[in-house]
């Protein structure tokens, strides 16, 4: 396994006058150890490659026994992230020779490290630059596996051995869902509906037709490769004469094959795109975020733009008023931390607050939401999101689309305040069905939504953003039939949505 860490992508100079220039082909600039290894424990199948566990998902980079930093330039960033420039190919797709976004909110000073999130103008401080920021290592990378065949029977010359591309990327917070299944389901939808869901189509990594990373040292891949070998191991030996065990369709089984991973989405969730000096393109892991939570945060919060099978955190932030990003596949109140389990991303969830004669929603300021710090402190978790099945993911997506359609063309002016799923024994649902004269089938998706007014940012830590609530509605949605029970100003009505 050979890997490249995003930690070595900047042009920082982490050495004092008089020091020898560091060898950037070695750690922590390029990491080749501690990424993945073959398991050799008793009972493990031969050739099982697994990521190396670490105490935390990311850690501060060290160089010659001291914390490693980089010089932050003055540049327009992207919501408190250092946005590194990229090139574009003839189709306008991003070419990323370095991480798209770099965490730069830990300022290094002679007396210690300063968390820039404590300042109201954190985003402006990153834009202004002129300081040293701490580098982080996340032990993501890409490499290859190549088999060696000895004593091949039956032929004088063995067949050619093809290398398999190996990636260690961000955690799969929705490990019971599959990107290829989402792509197939999306293709089955009416075109009018599909266009309302995604900015680009949700493609899996298995649909990409590019060679693997050609710039790794001793890369075994060729520039004319148009697909990648997938190694499909059998985890346990099957007794002769007995059928192979097949897991139940309802059992959440995580896979690490390319159909389960997301394709390139400029840059993407699992892999990005780079090219050689002669413009021939290839896949690469180093074009994502440094460390990976910096990019995961953006992908999760802009769900309508980057349709990876990943948590949709859009409703955790005040995008409705500011950028018109909308929730596509809603997380439940429980999953974002409004219930008994911690939020999946470690970010405090939005809350409805009454201030004198008006209602406001208080959000964590997106510029101060720090997924990298959540990873450092062990607050990223799949405890709740890991329960989301493929069918549930698709039902949520369809239910949200039906809800927006029932609300009318002003969908960008409506914000999801609450989302949960309710059965036929739910009291509110039974009252709504009696009042509207229509019974819903199966599980109903309950949305609490509001129309938004003006927004403000509070001047004291933690610098929450507030949006005034102008009007509220409750919707109970049956995504399979398109039936909706909607309540506004105390009256329930029945609607049916078709696409």
Protein backbone atom coordinates (compact mmCIF):
# COMPACT_ATOMS: atom_id res chain seq x y z
CA UNK A 1 0.00 0.00 0.00
CA UNK A 2 1.32 3.41 -0.91
CA UNK A 3 -0.51 6.60 -0.04
CA UNK A 4 -0.30 10.36 -0.26
CA UNK A 5 -1.48 12.46 2.65
CA UNK A 6 -3.10 15.86 2.09
CA UNK A 7 -0.78 17.13 4.81
CA UNK A 8 1.98 17.69 2.27
CA UNK A 9 0.02 19.71 -0.24
CA UNK A 10 0.74 23.27 0.86
CA UNK A 11 3.73 25.41 0.05
CA UNK A 12 4.56 26.07 3.69
CA UNK A 13 8.19 26.32 4.84
CA UNK A 14 8.28 24.54 8.21
CA UNK A 15 12.01 25.03 8.81
CA UNK A 16 14.13 27.76 10.37
CA UNK A 17 17.04 29.50 8.73
CA UNK A 18 20.02 27.20 8.94
CA UNK A 19 17.99 24.00 8.74
CA UNK A 20 18.35 21.64 5.83
CA UNK A 21 15.39 21.66 3.51
CA UNK A 22 13.00 18.82 4.42
CA UNK A 23 12.53 15.83 2.18
CA UNK A 24 8.88 16.21 1.19
CA UNK A 25 8.80 12.64 -0.13
CA UNK A 26 8.77 11.46 3.49
CA UNK A 27 6.34 11.75 6.40
CA UNK A 28 4.51 13.86 7.30
CA UNK A 29 4.51 15.38 3.78
CA UNK A 30 3.93 12.05 2.10
CA UNK A 31 2.72 9.18 4.24
CA UNK A 32 3.24 5.55 3.28
CA UNK A 33 2.72 3.89 6.67
CA UNK A 34 -0.19 3.77 9.06
CA UNK A 35 -2.80 3.93 6.27
CA UNK A 36 -3.69 0.28 5.61
CA UNK A 37 -2.21 -3.12 6.28
CA UNK A 38 -2.91 -6.79 5.71
CA UNK A 39 -4.59 -8.46 8.67
CA UNK A 40 -2.75 -11.46 10.03
CA UNK A 41 -4.80 -12.39 13.08
CA UNK A 42 -5.96 -15.94 13.56
CA UNK A 43 -9.15 -16.61 11.63
CA UNK A 44 -8.65 -13.77 9.16
CA UNK A 45 -8.70 -14.73 5.47
CA UNK A 46 -5.44 -14.38 3.60
CA UNK A 47 -5.03 -11.04 1.84
CA UNK A 48 -7.54 -9.05 3.93
CA UNK A 49 -6.49 -5.40 3.64
CA UNK A 50 -7.93 -3.06 6.29
CA UNK A 51 -7.35 0.57 7.36
CA UNK A 52 -5.05 1.02 10.33
CA UNK A 53 -7.04 2.23 13.36
CA UNK A 54 -5.85 5.38 15.12
CA UNK A 55 -6.86 7.03 18.38
CA UNK A 56 -8.65 9.78 16.45
CA UNK A 57 -9.69 10.19 12.83
CA UNK A 58 -7.22 13.06 12.45
CA UNK A 59 -4.25 14.33 14.42
CA UNK A 60 -1.91 17.30 14.35
CA UNK A 61 1.05 16.84 12.01
CA UNK A 62 4.51 16.78 13.59
CA UNK A 63 7.88 17.44 11.97
CA UNK A 64 11.22 16.92 13.70
CA UNK A 65 9.42 16.61 17.01
CA UNK A 66 7.51 19.89 16.67
CA UNK A 67 4.04 20.85 15.45
CA UNK A 68 3.98 21.38 11.69
CA UNK A 69 2.29 24.43 10.18
CA UNK A 70 1.98 26.23 6.88
CA UNK A 71 1.83 29.87 5.85
CA UNK A 72 -1.74 30.96 5.10
CA UNK A 73 -1.83 33.28 2.06
CA UNK A 74 -4.20 36.19 1.59
CA UNK A 75 -6.91 34.76 -0.61
CA UNK A 76 -10.67 34.70 -0.85
CA UNK A 77 -11.52 31.44 0.90
CA UNK A 78 -14.78 29.57 1.10
CA UNK A 79 -16.69 29.99 4.37
CA UNK A 80 -13.60 29.87 6.62
CA UNK A 81 -11.77 27.22 4.56
CA UNK A 82 -8.60 27.90 2.62
CA UNK A 83 -9.71 27.31 -0.96
CA UNK A 84 -6.81 26.16 -3.13
CA UNK A 85 -6.99 26.99 -6.85
CA UNK A 86 -7.63 24.35 -9.46
CA UNK A 87 -7.60 23.93 -13.23
CA UNK A 88 -10.49 22.76 -15.40
CA UNK A 89 -10.61 20.31 -18.28
CA UNK A 90 -12.44 20.90 -21.55
CA UNK A 91 -15.75 19.87 -19.96
CA UNK A 92 -15.30 22.37 -17.13
CA UNK A 93 -14.59 19.66 -14.53
CA UNK A 94 -12.18 20.40 -11.72
CA UNK A 95 -8.60 19.15 -11.90
CA UNK A 96 -7.22 18.97 -8.36
CA UNK A 97 -3.42 18.58 -7.93
CA UNK A 98 -3.83 19.48 -4.25
CA UNK A 99 -6.65 19.46 -1.68
CA UNK A 100 -9.64 21.55 -2.65
CA UNK A 101 -10.13 22.89 0.87
CA UNK A 102 -7.63 23.11 3.71
CA UNK A 103 -8.40 23.64 7.38
CA UNK A 104 -6.76 26.89 8.47
CA UNK A 105 -8.56 27.79 11.70
CA UNK A 106 -5.85 26.70 14.14
CA UNK A 107 -3.37 29.58 14.24
CA UNK A 108 0.12 28.80 15.53
CA UNK A 109 1.78 31.43 17.73
CA UNK A 110 4.99 31.47 19.82
CA UNK A 111 2.89 30.84 22.93
CA UNK A 112 0.64 28.12 21.58
CA UNK A 113 -2.24 27.39 19.21
CA UNK A 114 -5.27 29.65 18.87
CA UNK A 115 -8.67 28.39 17.73
CA UNK A 116 -9.96 31.01 15.28
CA UNK A 117 -13.52 29.75 15.76
CA UNK A 118 -13.64 31.83 18.94
CA UNK A 119 -13.60 35.04 16.88
CA UNK A 120 -16.70 36.46 15.19
CA UNK A 121 -14.79 37.15 11.96
CA UNK A 122 -13.19 33.68 11.64
CA UNK A 123 -13.90 33.53 7.90
CA UNK A 124 -12.35 36.95 7.31
CA UNK A 125 -9.26 36.00 9.33
CA UNK A 126 -8.73 32.99 7.05
CA UNK A 127 -9.25 35.17 3.97
CA UNK A 128 -6.74 37.73 5.21
CA UNK A 129 -4.10 35.10 5.95
CA UNK A 130 -0.67 36.20 7.10
CA UNK A 131 -0.27 33.61 9.85
CA UNK A 132 0.80 30.00 10.30
CA UNK A 133 -1.92 27.37 10.58
CA UNK A 134 -1.57 23.88 12.00
CA UNK A 135 -1.42 21.02 9.52
CA UNK A 136 -3.42 17.87 10.24
CA UNK A 137 -2.90 14.26 9.17
CA UNK A 138 -5.93 12.11 8.44
CA UNK A 139 -4.30 8.89 7.15
CA UNK A 140 -6.35 8.82 3.97
CA UNK A 141 -4.57 7.81 0.81
CA UNK A 142 -4.55 5.71 -2.31
CA UNK A 143 -2.45 2.78 -3.42
CA UNK A 144 -2.71 -0.60 -5.08
CA UNK A 145 -2.78 -4.34 -4.52
CA UNK A 146 -1.00 -6.66 -6.92
CA UNK A 147 -1.04 -10.42 -6.60
CA UNK A 148 1.98 -12.64 -7.13
CA UNK A 149 1.16 -16.02 -8.67
CA UNK A 150 3.51 -18.89 -7.97
CA UNK A 151 3.17 -22.38 -9.44
CA UNK A 152 0.23 -21.52 -11.66
CA UNK A 153 -1.23 -24.91 -12.70
CA UNK A 154 -2.35 -26.00 -16.13
CA UNK A 155 -0.49 -23.44 -18.24
CA UNK A 156 3.10 -22.79 -19.06
CA UNK A 157 2.67 -19.03 -18.75
CA UNK A 158 0.36 -17.46 -16.16
CA UNK A 159 -2.17 -14.85 -17.29
CA UNK A 160 -1.28 -11.16 -16.84
CA UNK A 161 -1.73 -9.86 -13.30
CA UNK A 162 -3.74 -6.65 -13.09
CA UNK A 163 -3.31 -4.31 -10.10
CA UNK A 164 -6.35 -3.24 -8.09
CA UNK A 165 -6.77 0.36 -6.95
CA UNK A 166 -7.04 0.77 -3.19
CA UNK A 167 -8.47 3.83 -1.43
CA UNK A 168 -8.71 4.77 2.23
CA UNK A 169 -11.12 7.68 2.39
CA UNK A 170 -13.55 9.41 4.75
CA UNK A 171 -15.70 7.19 6.98
CA UNK A 172 -18.95 5.86 5.55
CA UNK A 173 -21.57 7.34 7.87
CA UNK A 174 -24.34 5.63 5.87
CA UNK A 175 -22.77 2.21 5.61
CA UNK A 176 -26.12 0.46 5.06
CA UNK A 177 -26.69 2.46 1.84
CA UNK A 178 -25.11 2.05 -1.58
CA UNK A 179 -24.18 4.68 -4.18
CA UNK A 180 -24.88 2.42 -7.17
CA UNK A 181 -28.35 1.56 -5.83
CA UNK A 182 -29.05 5.26 -5.41
CA UNK A 183 -27.94 5.86 -9.00
CA UNK A 184 -30.16 3.05 -10.32
CA UNK A 185 -33.13 4.29 -8.29
CA UNK A 186 -32.57 7.86 -9.49
CA UNK A 187 -32.52 6.67 -13.11
CA UNK A 188 -35.91 5.02 -12.57
CA UNK A 189 -37.57 8.29 -11.51
CA UNK A 190 -39.48 10.57 -13.86
CA UNK A 191 -37.12 13.07 -15.47
CA UNK A 192 -39.03 16.04 -14.03
CA UNK A 193 -38.57 14.67 -10.50
CA UNK A 194 -34.92 13.73 -10.99
CA UNK A 195 -34.10 17.27 -12.09
CA UNK A 196 -35.70 18.62 -8.91
CA UNK A 197 -33.50 16.42 -6.73
CA UNK A 198 -29.93 16.69 -7.98
CA UNK A 199 -27.66 19.35 -9.39
CA UNK A 200 -25.67 16.51 -10.99
CA UNK A 201 -26.54 12.82 -11.21
CA UNK A 202 -25.45 10.58 -8.31
CA UNK A 203 -22.83 8.36 -9.93
CA UNK A 204 -20.84 5.61 -8.17
CA UNK A 205 -17.09 5.23 -8.41
CA UNK A 206 -17.61 2.03 -10.42
CA UNK A 207 -19.00 4.16 -13.27
CA UNK A 208 -15.88 6.28 -13.58
CA UNK A 209 -13.79 5.54 -16.68
CA UNK A 210 -10.40 6.91 -15.69
CA UNK A 211 -7.14 5.21 -14.77
CA UNK A 212 -6.09 5.11 -11.14
CA UNK A 213 -3.53 7.48 -9.67
CA UNK A 214 -0.68 7.64 -12.20
CA UNK A 215 1.48 9.90 -10.03
CA UNK A 216 2.09 7.55 -7.14
CA UNK A 217 5.70 6.39 -6.90
CA UNK A 218 6.05 3.19 -8.94
CA UNK A 219 2.40 3.37 -9.97
CA UNK A 220 1.49 0.13 -11.81
CA UNK A 221 -1.41 1.74 -13.68
CA UNK A 222 -1.42 2.76 -17.33
CA UNK A 223 -2.66 5.96 -18.91
CA UNK A 224 -4.93 4.06 -21.29
CA UNK A 225 -6.77 2.19 -18.49
CA UNK A 226 -10.47 2.93 -18.63
CA UNK A 227 -11.58 0.83 -15.68
CA UNK A 228 -10.20 -0.52 -12.42
CA UNK A 229 -9.93 -4.09 -11.21
CA UNK A 230 -12.19 -4.86 -8.24
CA UNK A 231 -10.97 -7.55 -5.86
CA UNK A 232 -14.00 -9.32 -4.35
CA UNK A 233 -12.82 -11.54 -1.50
CA UNK A 234 -14.86 -14.12 0.36
CA UNK A 235 -14.40 -13.22 3.99
CA UNK A 236 -14.93 -16.72 5.39
CA UNK A 237 -14.34 -20.18 3.94
CA UNK A 238 -17.51 -21.99 2.87
CA UNK A 239 -17.71 -25.75 3.59
CA UNK A 240 -17.63 -27.84 0.42
CA UNK A 241 -21.09 -28.82 -0.78
CA UNK A 242 -22.88 -26.04 1.09
CA UNK A 243 -24.29 -22.86 -0.50
CA UNK A 244 -22.61 -19.54 0.17
CA UNK A 245 -24.37 -17.55 2.91
CA UNK A 246 -26.41 -14.67 1.54
CA UNK A 247 -27.18 -11.79 3.94
CA UNK A 248 -30.74 -10.67 4.37
CA UNK A 249 -31.64 -7.65 2.17
CA UNK A 250 -32.67 -5.83 5.36
CA UNK A 251 -29.38 -6.50 7.10
CA UNK A 252 -27.03 -3.49 6.92
CA UNK A 253 -23.85 -4.85 5.37
CA UNK A 254 -21.01 -2.44 4.69
CA UNK A 255 -19.04 -3.06 1.52
CA UNK A 256 -15.81 -1.49 0.36
CA UNK A 257 -16.30 -2.03 -3.36
CA UNK A 258 -16.38 0.79 -5.93
CA UNK A 259 -20.14 0.53 -6.46
CA UNK A 260 -20.59 1.55 -2.82
CA UNK A 261 -18.35 4.61 -3.16
CA UNK A 262 -19.23 7.97 -4.66
CA UNK A 263 -17.93 9.04 -8.05
CA UNK A 264 -16.15 12.30 -8.81
CA UNK A 265 -18.33 15.29 -7.96
CA UNK A 266 -15.84 18.15 -8.26
CA UNK A 267 -14.02 17.21 -6.17
CA UNK A 268 -16.09 14.51 -4.43
CA UNK A 269 -16.49 12.46 -1.26
CA UNK A 270 -14.15 9.52 -1.94
CA UNK A 271 -11.91 10.51 -4.84
CA UNK A 272 -11.05 13.46 -7.09
CA UNK A 273 -9.52 14.06 -10.53
CA UNK A 274 -5.99 15.15 -11.47
CA UNK A 275 -3.94 15.00 -14.66
CA UNK A 276 -0.41 14.56 -15.91
CA UNK A 277 1.52 17.45 -17.50
CA UNK A 278 0.25 16.22 -20.89
CA UNK A 279 -3.38 16.62 -19.65
CA UNK A 280 -4.13 12.90 -19.41
CA UNK A 281 -6.47 12.49 -16.44
CA UNK A 282 -6.55 10.02 -13.58
CA UNK A 283 -8.21 9.41 -10.22
CA UNK A 284 -6.52 10.64 -7.05
CA UNK A 285 -7.40 10.80 -3.36
CA UNK A 286 -5.36 13.92 -2.59
CA UNK A 287 -7.75 16.32 -4.34
CA UNK A 288 -10.28 16.29 -1.50
CA UNK A 289 -10.06 18.14 1.82
CA UNK A 290 -7.10 18.45 4.16
CA UNK A 291 -7.95 16.90 6.51
CA UNK A 292 -10.96 15.04 5.08
CA UNK A 293 -13.57 16.56 7.50
CA UNK A 294 -12.97 19.97 5.90
CA UNK A 295 -14.42 18.65 2.64
CA UNK A 296 -16.98 16.34 4.29
CA UNK A 297 -18.54 19.39 5.94
CA UNK A 298 -19.08 21.13 2.61
CA UNK A 299 -20.43 18.03 0.86
CA UNK A 300 -22.87 17.32 3.70
CA UNK A 301 -24.15 20.90 3.86
CA UNK A 302 -24.67 21.28 0.09
CA UNK A 303 -26.63 18.09 -0.44
CA UNK A 304 -28.50 19.30 -3.51
CA UNK A 305 -25.19 19.95 -5.27
CA UNK A 306 -23.14 16.87 -4.37
CA UNK A 307 -25.43 13.82 -4.27
CA UNK A 308 -23.15 11.34 -2.53
CA UNK A 309 -24.68 8.77 -0.23
CA UNK A 310 -23.61 10.83 2.74
CA UNK A 311 -25.43 12.64 5.55
CA UNK A 312 -27.44 15.65 4.37
CA UNK A 313 -26.66 18.33 6.97
CA UNK A 314 -28.28 21.19 5.03
CA UNK A 315 -31.01 21.79 7.60
CA UNK A 316 -28.43 22.22 10.36
CA UNK A 317 -27.41 25.61 8.92
CA UNK A 318 -29.08 28.83 7.78
CA UNK A 319 -28.73 28.28 4.02
CA UNK A 320 -32.34 28.99 3.11
CA UNK A 321 -31.93 32.72 3.63
CA UNK A 322 -28.37 33.02 2.41
CA UNK A 323 -27.62 30.67 -0.49
CA UNK A 324 -30.80 28.77 -1.34
CA UNK A 325 -29.30 25.37 -0.57
CA UNK A 326 -32.11 23.00 0.37
CA UNK A 327 -32.48 19.73 2.20
CA UNK A 328 -32.72 16.76 -0.18
CA UNK A 329 -32.47 13.67 2.05
CA UNK A 330 -33.38 14.86 5.55
CA UNK A 331 -31.78 13.63 8.73
CA UNK A 332 -34.19 13.05 11.60
CA UNK A 333 -34.26 15.18 14.72
CA UNK A 334 -32.61 12.30 16.56
CA UNK A 335 -29.77 12.04 14.04
CA UNK A 336 -28.83 15.72 14.25
CA UNK A 337 -28.76 15.67 18.06
CA UNK A 338 -32.27 16.75 19.09
CA UNK A 339 -32.97 13.38 20.71
CA UNK A 340 -31.18 10.94 23.01
CA UNK A 341 -28.07 10.32 20.85
CA UNK A 342 -25.27 12.77 20.02
CA UNK A 343 -25.32 14.58 16.65
CA UNK A 344 -23.55 12.65 13.90
CA UNK A 345 -21.19 15.56 13.21
CA UNK A 346 -20.70 16.90 16.73
CA UNK A 347 -22.38 20.20 15.77
CA UNK A 348 -25.10 21.57 18.09
CA UNK A 349 -28.46 21.30 16.25
CA UNK A 350 -30.72 24.26 15.40
CA UNK A 351 -33.36 25.17 17.97
CA UNK A 352 -36.63 27.08 17.87
CA UNK A 353 -36.57 29.95 20.37
CA UNK A 354 -39.23 32.52 21.30
CA UNK A 355 -37.94 36.08 21.65
CA UNK A 356 -40.58 38.46 22.94
CA UNK A 357 -43.28 38.53 20.25
CA UNK A 358 -41.55 36.44 17.59
CA UNK A 359 -40.13 32.99 16.91
CA UNK A 360 -36.57 32.56 15.66
CA UNK A 361 -34.45 29.56 14.71
CA UNK A 362 -30.93 29.60 16.11
CA UNK A 363 -28.31 27.82 14.02
CA UNK A 364 -24.65 27.04 14.49
CA UNK A 365 -22.84 29.51 12.26
CA UNK A 366 -21.51 27.51 9.31
CA UNK A 367 -18.21 29.44 9.35
CA UNK A 368 -17.69 28.26 12.95
CA UNK A 369 -18.88 24.68 12.48
CA UNK A 370 -15.63 22.74 12.62
CA UNK A 371 -15.81 19.09 11.56
CA UNK A 372 -12.03 18.79 11.89
CA UNK A 373 -12.27 19.70 15.56
CA UNK A 374 -15.15 17.24 15.93
CA UNK A 375 -12.87 14.55 14.49
CA UNK A 376 -9.99 15.52 16.79
CA UNK A 377 -12.28 15.25 19.80
CA UNK A 378 -13.94 12.01 18.72
CA UNK A 379 -17.37 13.55 18.10
CA UNK A 380 -18.01 12.22 14.58
CA UNK A 381 -20.25 9.17 14.90
CA UNK A 382 -22.34 6.78 12.82
CA UNK A 383 -24.35 5.67 15.86
CA UNK A 384 -27.60 7.01 14.40
CA UNK A 385 -26.86 7.40 10.68
CA UNK A 386 -25.66 3.80 10.45
CA UNK A 387 -29.27 2.66 10.94
CA UNK A 388 -30.47 4.31 7.73
CA UNK A 389 -31.22 1.60 5.17
CA UNK A 390 -31.20 1.95 1.40
CA UNK A 391 -35.01 1.91 1.25
CA UNK A 392 -35.23 4.47 4.05
CA UNK A 393 -32.73 6.75 2.27
CA UNK A 394 -34.76 6.64 -0.94
CA UNK A 395 -38.08 7.12 0.89
CA UNK A 396 -36.71 10.18 2.70
CA UNK A 397 -35.51 11.69 -0.56
CA UNK A 398 -38.86 11.13 -2.28
CA UNK A 399 -40.84 12.33 0.76
CA UNK A 400 -38.85 15.58 0.84
CA UNK A 401 -39.49 16.16 -2.86
CA UNK A 402 -43.23 15.53 -2.38
CA UNK A 403 -43.28 17.93 0.59
CA UNK A 404 -41.64 20.70 -1.44
CA UNK A 405 -44.11 20.19 -4.27
CA UNK A 406 -47.03 20.39 -1.85
CA UNK A 407 -45.64 23.67 -0.50
CA UNK A 408 -45.59 25.21 -3.98
CA UNK A 409 -43.00 26.88 -6.15
CA UNK A 410 -41.56 28.89 -3.25
CA UNK A 411 -39.73 25.81 -1.93
CA UNK A 412 -36.54 27.81 -1.39
CA UNK A 413 -38.39 30.01 1.08
CA UNK A 414 -39.31 27.03 3.26
CA UNK A 415 -36.90 25.54 5.79
CA UNK A 416 -37.11 22.17 7.52
CA UNK A 417 -37.42 22.68 11.27
CA UNK A 418 -38.21 19.10 12.22
CA UNK A 419 -38.27 15.70 10.55
CA UNK A 420 -39.27 12.32 11.93
CA UNK A 421 -41.14 9.20 10.87
CA UNK A 422 -44.46 8.23 12.48
CA UNK A 423 -46.55 5.08 12.42
CA UNK A 424 -50.30 4.64 12.25
CA UNK A 425 -50.59 4.82 16.06
CA UNK A 426 -49.21 8.37 16.25
CA UNK A 427 -51.79 10.68 17.90
CA UNK A 428 -51.13 13.70 15.71
CA UNK A 429 -51.33 11.54 12.60
CA UNK A 430 -54.69 10.05 13.67
CA UNK A 431 -56.11 13.53 14.35
CA UNK A 432 -54.83 14.77 10.98
CA UNK A 433 -56.37 11.83 9.11
CA UNK A 434 -59.75 12.38 10.75
CA UNK A 435 -59.65 16.13 10.10
CA UNK A 436 -58.56 15.79 6.45
CA UNK A 437 -60.74 12.77 5.70
CA UNK A 438 -57.90 10.66 4.35
CA UNK A 439 -55.82 7.83 5.81
CA UNK A 440 -52.15 7.52 4.86
CA UNK A 441 -50.53 4.18 4.21
CA UNK A 442 -47.51 2.76 6.01
CA UNK A 443 -44.95 4.98 7.68
CA UNK A 444 -45.62 8.71 7.31
CA UNK A 445 -42.80 11.24 7.04
CA UNK A 446 -43.55 14.21 9.29
CA UNK A 447 -42.04 17.57 8.37
CA UNK A 448 -42.22 20.70 10.45
CA UNK A 449 -41.34 23.59 8.12
CA UNK A 450 -41.33 27.35 8.26
CA UNK A 451 -41.13 30.31 5.93
CA UNK A 452 -38.08 32.41 6.66
CA UNK A 453 -37.61 36.09 7.33
CA UNK A 454 -34.43 38.10 7.77
CA UNK A 455 -31.31 36.63 9.36
CA UNK A 456 -28.78 38.01 11.83
CA UNK A 457 -25.57 36.79 13.43
CA UNK A 458 -25.31 37.16 17.19
CA UNK A 459 -22.37 39.25 18.34
CA UNK A 460 -21.32 37.03 21.25
CA UNK A 461 -19.83 33.52 21.26
CA UNK A 462 -20.75 31.04 19.89
CA UNK A 463 -21.93 33.54 17.21
CA UNK A 464 -25.16 31.75 16.39
CA UNK A 465 -27.15 32.70 13.31
CA UNK A 466 -30.82 33.54 13.79
CA UNK A 467 -33.58 33.43 11.20
CA UNK A 468 -37.00 34.90 11.92
CA UNK A 469 -39.93 32.51 11.46
CA UNK A 470 -42.65 34.12 9.33
CA UNK A 471 -45.02 31.19 8.94
CA UNK A 472 -45.16 27.51 9.90
CA UNK A 473 -46.68 24.35 8.49
CA UNK A 474 -46.75 20.64 9.29
CA UNK A 475 -46.83 17.97 6.59
CA UNK A 476 -47.42 14.23 6.82
CA UNK A 477 -46.20 12.58 3.62
CA UNK A 478 -46.71 9.13 2.13
CA UNK A 479 -43.93 9.07 -0.49
CA UNK A 480 -45.19 5.92 -2.22
CA UNK A 481 -48.59 7.41 -3.13
CA UNK A 482 -47.78 11.12 -3.11
CA UNK A 483 -50.55 11.79 -0.56
CA UNK A 484 -49.91 14.68 1.80
CA UNK A 485 -51.78 15.91 4.85
CA UNK A 486 -50.86 19.56 5.42
CA UNK A 487 -51.65 21.77 8.39
CA UNK A 488 -51.53 25.56 8.26
CA UNK A 489 -53.10 27.83 10.86
CA UNK A 490 -54.72 24.87 12.60
CA UNK A 491 -56.55 23.38 9.59
CA UNK A 492 -55.60 20.01 8.04
CA UNK A 493 -56.10 19.45 4.31
CA UNK A 494 -55.39 16.57 1.95
CA UNK A 495 -53.32 16.90 -1.23
CA UNK A 496 -51.94 14.48 -3.79
CA UNK A 497 -48.68 15.24 -5.56
CA UNK A 498 -47.70 13.78 -8.93
CA UNK A 499 -44.61 14.38 -11.04
